[in-house]
Amino acid sequence: MQYRTLGRTGVQVSTLALGAMNFGAIGRTTQDEAATLVDAALAAGINLIDTADMYSDGESEKMVGKAIAGRREDVVLATKASMPMGDERNHQGASRRWLVTELDNSLRRLDVDHVDLYQIHRWDPKTGDEETLSALTDLQRAGKIRYFGSSTFPAYRIVQAQWAAREHRLSRYVTEQPSYSILQRGIEIHVLPVTEEYGMGVLAWSPLASGWLSGAVREGREISTNRSAVLPHRFDLSLPGNRARLEAVERLVKVADQAGLSLIQLALGFVVAHPGVTSAIIGPRTLEHLESQLAAADTVLSADVLDAIDEIVAPGTDLAPEEKHDTPPSLLDASLRRR
């Protein structure tokens, strides 16, 4: 396992992080299965575990807490908040009112007295940066969180939050968690240059592109992944965008074969090859999935292989731009761009 410094925090984290989104109902994972995954990940040298309050409505946090009991100090523990937790309108967002309440809920579910990294799951356009940053700074000073970060923020919002922290003399976001893979390279244009400029750690989610780069999606093969059952339109090969992804995958398989690598090793090796990326978050549902992904722990791609990937998917290109999660609200809601 390789390790890198998380931004400028001085904290050393593994280049592969264990994502717990599949723990619980989402991935149909039991407590015993989750514990087995955590045991195997820690044994392999992974020391960063990432979860969120909304994963299976809090069930993931509970499972993670039980799985790390007795070895809390060996784990860099990260969770997230701001996504809706139920139908109550104020049980979401990045207001002080909600973050103070929900952090206590997360600590109770995790059965810990603090988390190492507390992340705002999505930018909340209804809440000002000063409101959110002042609440997070107070929670940090209270010892309930060590650091805090953002997740899937547009580049301009990352910059604005950095300036707001400086202007109001508050602690700042020290990490960003964006979606990044060979098939989704859009963050190379704006987000990664910004995070590098501000010395932020980057924890990349979906490095296997929701299973497209796992080897399970191939020409002439029935697609039967867990994600395809939940989001079938993202794997509908009658759609031009999905055909383009499949064509890219078939070419990437050849590159991997020529390099003596699995497609998973190629995909994860690509993500951690970027100097702005700290860790790639893997989200296995089974021990078999985890073992196939751990094989990439020491993968280092040569310049020739990286050049070959660039020929297939150009730098800064998103093959599925409609799946971006950082689109400005005004592009999604016409009322926000018209007087």
Protein backbone atom coordinates (compact mmCIF):
# COMPACT_ATOMS: atom_id res chain seq x y z
CA MET A 1 0.00 0.00 0.00
CA GLN A 2 1.17 3.52 -0.79
CA TYR A 3 0.53 6.54 1.45
CA ARG A 4 0.25 10.26 0.85
CA THR A 5 -0.23 13.34 2.98
CA LEU A 6 -3.85 14.50 3.11
CA GLY A 7 -3.48 18.01 1.75
CA ARG A 8 -1.43 20.05 4.21
CA THR A 9 -2.80 18.37 7.33
CA GLY A 10 0.22 16.16 7.91
CA VAL A 11 -2.08 13.14 8.17
CA GLN A 12 -0.87 10.11 6.19
CA VAL A 13 -3.58 8.20 4.34
CA SER A 14 -3.55 5.20 2.02
CA THR A 15 -3.92 5.83 -1.71
CA LEU A 16 -6.88 3.45 -1.67
CA ALA A 17 -9.65 4.36 0.77
CA LEU A 18 -12.55 2.13 1.81
CA GLY A 19 -15.88 3.66 0.90
CA ALA A 20 -18.83 2.35 2.91
CA MET A 21 -21.74 3.41 0.70
CA ASN A 22 -22.58 -0.24 0.05
CA PHE A 23 -22.78 -1.11 3.74
CA GLY A 24 -26.41 -1.79 4.62
CA ALA A 25 -29.51 -1.70 2.45
CA ILE A 26 -27.91 0.00 -0.58
CA GLY A 27 -25.49 -2.85 -1.16
CA ARG A 28 -27.51 -5.50 0.70
CA THR A 29 -24.49 -5.93 2.99
CA THR A 30 -24.89 -7.42 6.47
CA GLN A 31 -22.94 -6.37 9.56
CA ASP A 32 -20.79 -9.50 9.38
CA GLU A 33 -20.00 -8.85 5.72
CA ALA A 34 -19.16 -5.21 6.46
CA ALA A 35 -16.87 -6.27 9.31
CA THR A 36 -15.11 -8.75 7.02
CA LEU A 37 -14.52 -6.01 4.44
CA VAL A 38 -13.16 -3.62 7.08
CA ASP A 39 -10.90 -6.33 8.54
CA ALA A 40 -9.46 -7.20 5.14
CA ALA A 41 -9.02 -3.54 4.15
CA LEU A 42 -7.17 -2.66 7.35
CA ALA A 43 -5.02 -5.79 7.06
CA ALA A 44 -4.04 -4.69 3.55
CA GLY A 45 -2.92 -1.27 4.81
CA ILE A 46 -5.98 0.86 4.06
CA ASN A 47 -6.34 3.37 6.89
CA LEU A 48 -9.02 5.75 5.58
CA ILE A 49 -12.72 4.79 5.78
CA ASP A 50 -15.32 7.09 4.23
CA THR A 51 -19.05 6.96 4.90
CA ALA A 52 -22.00 9.39 5.10
CA ASP A 53 -25.10 9.95 7.18
CA MET A 54 -27.46 9.29 4.28
CA TYR A 55 -25.97 5.96 3.19
CA SER A 56 -28.81 3.52 3.87
CA ASP A 57 -30.34 6.17 6.15
CA GLY A 58 -27.57 5.96 8.75
CA GLU A 59 -27.12 2.20 8.62
CA SER A 60 -23.68 2.48 7.00
CA GLU A 61 -22.37 4.64 9.84
CA LYS A 62 -23.65 2.15 12.41
CA MET A 63 -21.95 -0.73 10.61
CA VAL A 64 -18.67 1.15 10.29
CA GLY A 65 -18.76 2.05 13.98
CA LYS A 66 -19.21 -1.57 15.02
CA ALA A 67 -16.55 -2.77 12.57
CA ILE A 68 -13.85 -0.42 13.89
CA ALA A 69 -14.69 -0.83 17.59
CA GLY A 70 -11.51 -1.27 19.62
CA ARG A 71 -9.22 0.14 16.92
CA ARG A 72 -10.63 3.61 16.37
CA GLU A 73 -7.24 5.31 16.60
CA ASP A 74 -5.89 3.16 13.75
CA VAL A 75 -8.49 4.58 11.35
CA VAL A 76 -8.77 7.97 9.67
CA LEU A 77 -12.56 8.19 9.85
CA ALA A 78 -14.51 10.38 7.44
CA THR A 79 -18.23 10.98 7.11
CA LYS A 80 -20.48 13.46 5.34
CA ALA A 81 -23.67 15.47 5.86
CA SER A 82 -26.06 17.87 4.06
CA MET A 83 -28.08 15.43 1.94
CA PRO A 84 -31.74 14.95 3.02
CA MET A 85 -32.32 12.73 6.05
CA GLY A 86 -36.08 12.21 5.87
CA ASP A 87 -38.89 14.48 4.74
CA GLU A 88 -38.46 17.31 7.25
CA ARG A 89 -37.29 20.32 5.25
CA ASN A 90 -34.64 21.37 7.78
CA HIS A 91 -33.11 17.89 8.10
CA GLN A 92 -30.72 18.64 5.26
CA GLY A 93 -28.40 21.34 4.00
CA ALA A 94 -25.38 23.08 5.48
CA SER A 95 -26.92 25.40 8.05
CA ARG A 96 -25.49 25.64 11.56
CA ARG A 97 -28.80 24.36 12.92
CA TRP A 98 -28.59 21.11 10.94
CA LEU A 99 -24.85 20.44 11.00
CA VAL A 100 -24.60 20.74 14.80
CA THR A 101 -27.54 18.36 15.21
CA GLU A 102 -26.54 15.90 12.53
CA LEU A 103 -22.92 15.61 13.61
CA ASP A 104 -24.14 14.47 17.01
CA ASN A 105 -26.37 11.94 15.24
CA SER A 106 -23.41 10.66 13.22
CA LEU A 107 -21.19 10.40 16.30
CA ARG A 108 -23.90 8.39 18.04
CA ARG A 109 -24.32 6.04 15.08
CA LEU A 110 -20.56 5.61 14.71
CA ASP A 111 -20.18 5.27 18.50
CA VAL A 112 -17.17 7.61 18.57
CA ASP A 113 -16.46 10.97 20.19
CA HIS A 114 -15.03 12.59 17.06
CA VAL A 115 -14.52 12.10 13.33
CA ASP A 116 -11.28 12.94 11.59
CA LEU A 117 -12.86 14.44 8.48
CA TYR A 118 -16.37 15.90 8.26
CA GLN A 119 -17.47 16.71 4.71
CA ILE A 120 -20.29 18.75 3.23
CA HIS A 121 -21.77 16.14 0.87
CA ARG A 122 -23.02 18.67 -1.69
CA TRP A 123 -22.84 22.45 -1.97
CA ASP A 124 -25.96 23.99 -0.44
CA PRO A 125 -26.90 27.06 -2.51
CA LYS A 126 -29.38 28.20 0.17
CA THR A 127 -26.70 28.59 2.86
CA GLY A 128 -23.90 31.16 2.89
CA ASP A 129 -20.28 30.10 3.23
CA GLU A 130 -19.80 32.05 6.46
CA GLU A 131 -22.74 30.24 8.09
CA THR A 132 -21.38 26.81 7.20
CA LEU A 133 -17.71 27.53 7.86
CA SER A 134 -18.38 29.16 11.23
CA ALA A 135 -20.41 26.14 12.36
CA LEU A 136 -17.70 23.73 11.19
CA THR A 137 -15.00 25.83 12.85
CA ASP A 138 -16.88 25.75 16.15
CA LEU A 139 -17.36 21.97 15.89
CA GLN A 140 -13.64 21.64 15.21
CA ARG A 141 -12.75 23.77 18.24
CA ALA A 142 -15.11 21.66 20.34
CA GLY A 143 -13.04 18.59 19.41
CA LYS A 144 -15.88 16.82 17.58
CA ILE A 145 -14.12 16.98 14.20
CA ARG A 146 -10.43 17.25 13.39
CA TYR A 147 -10.74 18.62 9.85
CA PHE A 148 -13.52 19.38 7.40
CA GLY A 149 -13.89 19.22 3.65
CA SER A 150 -16.22 19.61 0.71
CA SER A 151 -17.62 17.02 -1.69
CA THR A 152 -18.50 17.46 -5.36
CA PHE A 153 -18.25 21.25 -5.19
CA PRO A 154 -17.88 23.18 -8.46
CA ALA A 155 -14.47 24.80 -8.75
CA TYR A 156 -15.79 28.34 -8.31
CA ARG A 157 -17.50 27.33 -5.05
CA ILE A 158 -14.26 25.82 -3.75
CA VAL A 159 -12.51 29.13 -4.45
CA GLN A 160 -15.32 31.17 -2.89
CA ALA A 161 -15.24 29.07 0.30
CA GLN A 162 -11.47 29.51 0.58
CA TRP A 163 -11.87 33.28 0.31
CA ALA A 164 -14.76 33.30 2.78
CA ALA A 165 -12.64 31.42 5.33
CA ARG A 166 -9.85 33.94 4.93
CA GLU A 167 -12.15 36.97 5.06
CA HIS A 168 -13.95 35.85 8.22
CA ARG A 169 -10.89 34.26 9.86
CA LEU A 170 -12.43 30.82 9.97
CA SER A 171 -10.98 27.35 9.41
CA ARG A 172 -11.14 26.23 5.80
CA TYR A 173 -12.01 23.16 3.80
CA VAL A 174 -8.84 21.06 3.61
CA THR A 175 -10.18 18.38 1.26
CA GLU A 176 -12.48 17.97 -1.73
CA GLN A 177 -14.17 14.71 -2.74
CA PRO A 178 -15.01 14.78 -6.48
CA SER A 179 -16.07 12.10 -8.93
CA TYR A 180 -13.08 11.10 -11.05
CA SER A 181 -12.31 8.22 -13.39
CA ILE A 182 -10.93 7.54 -16.85
CA LEU A 183 -14.45 8.02 -18.21
CA GLN A 184 -15.17 11.19 -16.20
CA ARG A 185 -12.17 13.51 -16.49
CA GLY A 186 -13.93 16.88 -16.37
CA ILE A 187 -12.43 17.86 -13.02
CA GLU A 188 -9.02 18.04 -14.67
CA ILE A 189 -10.07 21.33 -16.28
CA HIS A 190 -11.02 23.38 -13.21
CA VAL A 191 -11.37 21.43 -9.94
CA LEU A 192 -7.96 19.76 -9.71
CA PRO A 193 -6.02 22.93 -10.60
CA VAL A 194 -7.94 24.74 -7.85
CA THR A 195 -7.41 22.06 -5.21
CA GLU A 196 -3.71 21.96 -6.05
CA GLU A 197 -3.51 25.75 -5.79
CA TYR A 198 -4.99 25.66 -2.28
CA GLY A 199 -3.10 22.57 -1.13
CA MET A 200 -6.25 20.53 -0.61
CA GLY A 201 -6.37 16.76 -0.32
CA VAL A 202 -8.49 15.05 -2.99
CA LEU A 203 -10.45 11.86 -2.30
CA ALA A 204 -11.79 10.64 -5.64
CA TRP A 205 -15.11 8.79 -5.58
CA SER A 206 -16.37 6.40 -8.28
CA PRO A 207 -12.90 5.67 -9.73
CA LEU A 208 -14.43 2.61 -11.42
CA ALA A 209 -17.17 4.77 -12.99
CA SER A 210 -20.09 3.03 -11.27
CA GLY A 211 -18.86 -0.36 -12.46
CA TRP A 212 -18.11 0.53 -16.07
CA LEU A 213 -14.39 0.00 -15.35
CA SER A 214 -14.78 -3.09 -13.18
CA GLY A 215 -14.70 -5.52 -16.10
CA ALA A 216 -18.37 -6.37 -15.66
CA VAL A 217 -19.52 -4.20 -18.56
CA ARG A 218 -18.32 -5.62 -21.88
CA GLU A 219 -19.56 -5.90 -25.43
CA GLY A 220 -21.93 -8.84 -25.90
CA ARG A 221 -22.21 -9.51 -22.19
CA GLU A 222 -25.37 -9.10 -20.11
CA ILE A 223 -24.99 -6.25 -17.61
CA SER A 224 -26.01 -7.50 -14.18
CA THR A 225 -24.22 -5.22 -11.74
CA ASN A 226 -25.90 -3.93 -8.59
CA ARG A 227 -25.71 -0.37 -9.90
CA SER A 228 -27.29 -1.29 -13.25
CA ALA A 229 -30.31 -2.71 -11.40
CA VAL A 230 -30.75 0.53 -9.45
CA LEU A 231 -29.98 2.95 -12.31
CA PRO A 232 -30.74 1.04 -15.53
CA HIS A 233 -30.72 4.13 -17.76
CA ARG A 234 -27.03 4.63 -17.03
CA PHE A 235 -26.30 1.28 -18.63
CA ASP A 236 -28.84 1.36 -21.49
CA LEU A 237 -26.67 0.60 -24.51
CA SER A 238 -29.26 2.03 -26.88
CA LEU A 239 -28.23 5.49 -25.66
CA PRO A 240 -25.36 7.13 -27.61
CA GLY A 241 -23.51 8.23 -24.48
CA ASN A 242 -23.49 4.71 -23.07
CA ARG A 243 -22.33 3.30 -26.40
CA ALA A 244 -19.43 5.75 -26.32
CA ARG A 245 -18.51 4.54 -22.83
CA LEU A 246 -18.64 0.91 -23.91
CA GLU A 247 -16.44 1.61 -26.92
CA ALA A 248 -13.92 3.32 -24.65
CA VAL A 249 -14.00 0.39 -22.23
CA GLU A 250 -13.26 -2.11 -25.00
CA ARG A 251 -10.22 -0.07 -26.07
CA LEU A 252 -9.08 0.34 -22.46
CA VAL A 253 -9.21 -3.44 -21.95
CA LYS A 254 -6.67 -3.81 -24.74
CA VAL A 255 -4.39 -1.22 -23.12
CA ALA A 256 -4.64 -3.05 -19.80
CA ASP A 257 -3.92 -6.42 -21.43
CA GLN A 258 -0.83 -5.07 -23.19
CA ALA A 259 0.42 -3.64 -19.87
CA GLY A 260 -0.20 -6.93 -18.05
CA LEU A 261 -2.87 -5.37 -15.84
CA SER A 262 -6.53 -5.94 -15.08
CA LEU A 263 -8.97 -3.22 -16.10
CA ILE A 264 -9.47 -2.43 -12.41
CA GLN A 265 -5.74 -1.95 -11.91
CA LEU A 266 -5.63 0.32 -14.95
CA ALA A 267 -8.58 2.38 -13.71
CA LEU A 268 -7.38 2.82 -10.13
CA GLY A 269 -3.77 3.33 -11.19
CA PHE A 270 -4.91 6.12 -13.50
CA VAL A 271 -6.77 7.99 -10.75
CA VAL A 272 -3.94 7.92 -8.21
CA ALA A 273 -1.39 8.80 -10.90
CA HIS A 274 -2.65 12.39 -10.96
CA PRO A 275 -0.42 14.49 -8.67
CA GLY A 276 -3.48 16.32 -7.34
CA VAL A 277 -5.21 13.15 -6.10
CA THR A 278 -4.57 11.82 -2.60
CA SER A 279 -6.72 8.67 -2.55
CA ALA A 280 -9.18 6.74 -4.70
CA ILE A 281 -12.27 5.61 -2.78
CA ILE A 282 -13.24 2.03 -3.55
CA GLY A 283 -16.69 0.76 -2.58
CA PRO A 284 -16.72 -3.05 -2.65
CA ARG A 285 -19.86 -5.03 -1.82
CA THR A 286 -18.09 -8.36 -1.42
CA LEU A 287 -14.70 -9.65 -0.33
CA GLU A 288 -14.08 -10.75 -3.91
CA HIS A 289 -14.65 -7.19 -5.10
CA LEU A 290 -12.27 -5.85 -2.46
CA GLU A 291 -9.51 -8.31 -3.31
CA SER A 292 -9.70 -7.43 -7.01
CA GLN A 293 -9.37 -3.75 -6.14
CA LEU A 294 -6.57 -4.24 -3.61
CA ALA A 295 -4.53 -5.68 -6.48
CA ALA A 296 -4.11 -2.07 -7.62
CA ALA A 297 -2.54 -0.94 -4.32
CA ASP A 298 0.97 -0.84 -5.77
CA THR A 299 0.07 -0.22 -9.43
CA VAL A 300 2.13 2.52 -11.09
CA LEU A 301 1.26 3.27 -14.70
CA SER A 302 4.03 4.10 -17.15
CA ALA A 303 3.97 7.24 -19.27
CA ASP A 304 3.22 5.13 -22.35
CA VAL A 305 0.13 3.63 -20.70
CA LEU A 306 -1.09 7.04 -19.53
CA ASP A 307 -0.58 8.39 -23.06
CA ALA A 308 -2.62 5.50 -24.45
CA ILE A 309 -5.45 6.31 -22.05
CA ASP A 310 -5.35 9.96 -23.19
CA GLU A 311 -5.81 8.77 -26.77
CA ILE A 312 -9.00 6.97 -25.80
CA VAL A 313 -10.51 9.57 -23.46
CA ALA A 314 -8.99 13.01 -23.89
CA PRO A 315 -7.92 14.94 -20.77
CA GLY A 316 -10.75 16.99 -19.29
CA THR A 317 -13.46 14.96 -21.06
CA ASP A 318 -16.62 13.63 -19.40
CA LEU A 319 -18.16 10.80 -21.41
CA ALA A 320 -21.32 11.08 -19.27
CA PRO A 321 -21.70 14.83 -18.60
CA GLU A 322 -25.35 14.35 -17.63
CA GLU A 323 -24.20 12.39 -14.59
CA LYS A 324 -22.23 15.28 -13.17
CA HIS A 325 -23.25 16.29 -9.65
CA ASP A 326 -21.71 19.76 -9.56
CA THR A 327 -23.87 21.50 -12.17
CA PRO A 328 -24.82 25.06 -11.11
CA PRO A 329 -28.49 25.13 -9.99
CA SER A 330 -29.36 27.77 -12.59
CA LEU A 331 -28.67 25.28 -15.38
CA LEU A 332 -31.12 22.81 -13.90
CA ASP A 333 -33.90 25.24 -12.91
CA ALA A 334 -34.96 27.76 -15.56
CA SER A 335 -36.52 30.05 -12.94
CA LEU A 336 -33.05 30.72 -11.51
CA ARG A 337 -31.69 32.11 -14.76
CA ARG A 338 -34.64 34.29 -15.82
CA ARG A 339 -35.93 37.53 -14.40
